[in-house]
Amino acid sequence: MTALASSRDLPPLELTAPSHPSSVTETRKRVAEYAAAGGARRDDVELAVAEAVANAVVHAFGGREDGVIKVRAEIDGPDYLVVEIADFGFGITTYGRSPRAGFGLPIISALADSVEIQTGDRGTRLALSFPRAS
């Protein structure tokens, strides 16, 4: 059985992480392993997820470490892996942005096949789609 055939039975991966810098490493590793098992480009998924979770840790909660970040990855048919990263913070704003801000979303957009962003005062949700090997 090929990796792609066996990945059809791969259940979704669901993670909950605190808004702490150590969450970036653990989350990116777990999602990267899932991506590899699901036939997506591990390195692309790993970097995009690291950027998204780091953005949530740094920007979503105003420096508080009591926020929660949820990550869900699942196989979407034969062609895609979808990863959702959601926080329940302040939403994406330009108010109070760090002068170093601005590279995470462009990196994510360059790596993922598609990026959907929903943001508001109750948090931000990114849905990233990555192609699976054919």
Protein backbone atom coordinates (compact mmCIF):
# COMPACT_ATOMS: atom_id res chain seq x y z
CA MET A 1 0.00 0.00 0.00
CA THR A 2 1.35 3.45 -0.88
CA ALA A 3 1.59 6.34 1.55
CA LEU A 4 -1.18 8.16 -0.33
CA ALA A 5 -3.50 5.18 -0.23
CA SER A 6 -2.98 4.67 3.50
CA SER A 7 -3.39 8.39 4.22
CA ARG A 8 -7.06 8.22 3.19
CA ASP A 9 -7.65 6.58 6.56
CA LEU A 10 -5.63 9.22 8.41
CA PRO A 11 -7.89 10.79 11.05
CA PRO A 12 -7.75 14.56 11.55
CA LEU A 13 -5.08 15.89 13.87
CA GLU A 14 -6.37 18.28 16.55
CA LEU A 15 -4.04 20.19 18.85
CA THR A 16 -4.60 22.80 21.55
CA ALA A 17 -1.60 24.85 22.64
CA PRO A 18 -1.03 27.71 25.06
CA SER A 19 0.08 31.07 23.67
CA HIS A 20 3.66 30.43 24.72
CA PRO A 21 6.75 30.42 22.48
CA SER A 22 7.41 26.73 23.23
CA SER A 23 4.10 25.91 21.52
CA VAL A 24 5.55 26.86 18.14
CA THR A 25 8.12 24.07 18.15
CA GLU A 26 5.83 21.32 19.39
CA THR A 27 2.95 22.26 17.10
CA ARG A 28 5.04 22.59 13.93
CA LYS A 29 6.68 19.19 14.54
CA ARG A 30 3.37 17.38 15.08
CA VAL A 31 1.72 18.95 12.03
CA ALA A 32 4.85 18.29 9.90
CA GLU A 33 4.69 14.59 10.80
CA TYR A 34 1.02 14.53 9.88
CA ALA A 35 1.75 16.29 6.57
CA ALA A 36 4.42 13.76 5.68
CA ALA A 37 2.04 10.89 6.45
CA GLY A 38 -0.63 12.61 4.35
CA GLY A 39 1.55 13.07 1.28
CA ALA A 40 2.04 16.85 1.50
CA ARG A 41 5.39 18.63 1.42
CA ARG A 42 6.52 18.38 5.01
CA ASP A 43 8.92 21.36 4.92
CA ASP A 44 6.35 23.73 3.42
CA VAL A 45 3.68 22.75 5.94
CA GLU A 46 6.11 22.90 8.84
CA LEU A 47 7.33 26.42 8.04
CA ALA A 48 3.85 27.78 7.33
CA VAL A 49 2.43 26.35 10.57
CA ALA A 50 5.42 27.66 12.54
CA GLU A 51 4.82 31.15 11.14
CA ALA A 52 1.08 31.03 11.83
CA VAL A 53 1.44 29.78 15.40
CA ALA A 54 4.27 32.24 16.09
CA ASN A 55 2.05 35.07 14.80
CA ALA A 56 -0.68 34.00 17.21
CA VAL A 57 1.76 33.74 20.13
CA VAL A 58 3.33 37.14 19.45
CA HIS A 59 0.35 39.19 18.26
CA ALA A 60 -2.99 37.67 19.28
CA PHE A 61 -2.91 38.04 23.03
CA GLY A 62 -0.92 41.19 23.73
CA GLY A 63 1.91 39.31 25.43
CA ARG A 64 -0.36 37.25 27.68
CA GLU A 65 0.56 33.58 27.96
CA ASP A 66 -2.92 32.44 28.97
CA GLY A 67 -4.37 32.42 25.45
CA VAL A 68 -5.24 29.28 23.52
CA ILE A 69 -4.32 28.35 19.96
CA LYS A 70 -6.11 25.50 18.21
CA VAL A 71 -4.65 23.69 15.22
CA ARG A 72 -6.48 21.15 13.08
CA ALA A 73 -5.07 19.28 10.10
CA GLU A 74 -6.96 16.92 7.83
CA ILE A 75 -6.84 15.31 4.44
CA ASP A 76 -9.30 16.98 2.07
CA GLY A 77 -9.93 14.51 -0.72
CA PRO A 78 -7.16 13.16 -2.90
CA ASP A 79 -5.52 16.50 -3.63
CA TYR A 80 -5.14 18.59 -0.47
CA LEU A 81 -4.11 18.76 3.14
CA VAL A 82 -5.91 21.54 5.02
CA VAL A 83 -4.50 23.06 8.19
CA GLU A 84 -6.52 25.48 10.32
CA ILE A 85 -4.89 27.65 12.97
CA ALA A 86 -7.25 29.58 15.25
CA ASP A 87 -6.66 31.86 18.18
CA PHE A 88 -9.15 33.69 20.33
CA GLY A 89 -7.19 36.91 20.65
CA PHE A 90 -7.55 40.48 19.45
CA GLY A 91 -7.69 39.85 15.71
CA ILE A 92 -5.34 41.23 13.09
CA THR A 93 -5.00 44.99 13.38
CA THR A 94 -2.42 47.59 12.50
CA TYR A 95 -2.76 49.22 15.93
CA GLY A 96 0.29 48.59 18.11
CA ARG A 97 2.08 46.45 15.54
CA SER A 98 5.72 45.74 16.03
CA PRO A 99 8.04 47.41 13.50
CA ARG A 100 9.31 43.88 12.72
CA ALA A 101 5.82 42.63 11.86
CA GLY A 102 4.92 41.80 8.33
CA PHE A 103 6.84 38.74 7.13
CA GLY A 104 4.75 35.88 8.51
CA LEU A 105 1.69 36.12 6.26
CA PRO A 106 3.72 36.61 3.04
CA ILE A 107 5.79 33.52 3.90
CA ILE A 108 2.63 31.51 4.62
CA SER A 109 1.08 32.68 1.33
CA ALA A 110 4.17 31.66 -0.61
CA LEU A 111 4.13 28.14 0.86
CA ALA A 112 0.42 27.26 0.83
CA ASP A 113 -1.69 26.69 -2.26
CA SER A 114 -4.42 28.84 -0.73
CA VAL A 115 -4.82 30.93 2.42
CA GLU A 116 -8.12 32.05 3.91
CA ILE A 117 -8.09 34.51 6.80
CA GLN A 118 -11.00 35.38 9.05
CA THR A 119 -10.28 37.93 11.75
CA GLY A 120 -12.16 40.06 14.22
CA ASP A 121 -12.25 41.05 17.85
CA ARG A 122 -12.82 37.41 18.83
CA GLY A 123 -9.69 36.07 17.18
CA THR A 124 -8.18 35.00 13.91
CA ARG A 125 -8.55 31.81 11.89
CA LEU A 126 -6.26 30.82 9.04
CA ALA A 127 -7.17 27.94 6.71
CA LEU A 128 -4.20 26.78 4.67
CA SER A 129 -4.38 24.28 1.82
CA PHE A 130 -1.34 22.33 0.69
CA PRO A 131 -1.21 20.07 -2.37
CA ARG A 132 -0.62 16.38 -1.83
CA ALA A 133 1.79 14.44 -4.03
CA SER A 134 0.16 12.86 -7.02
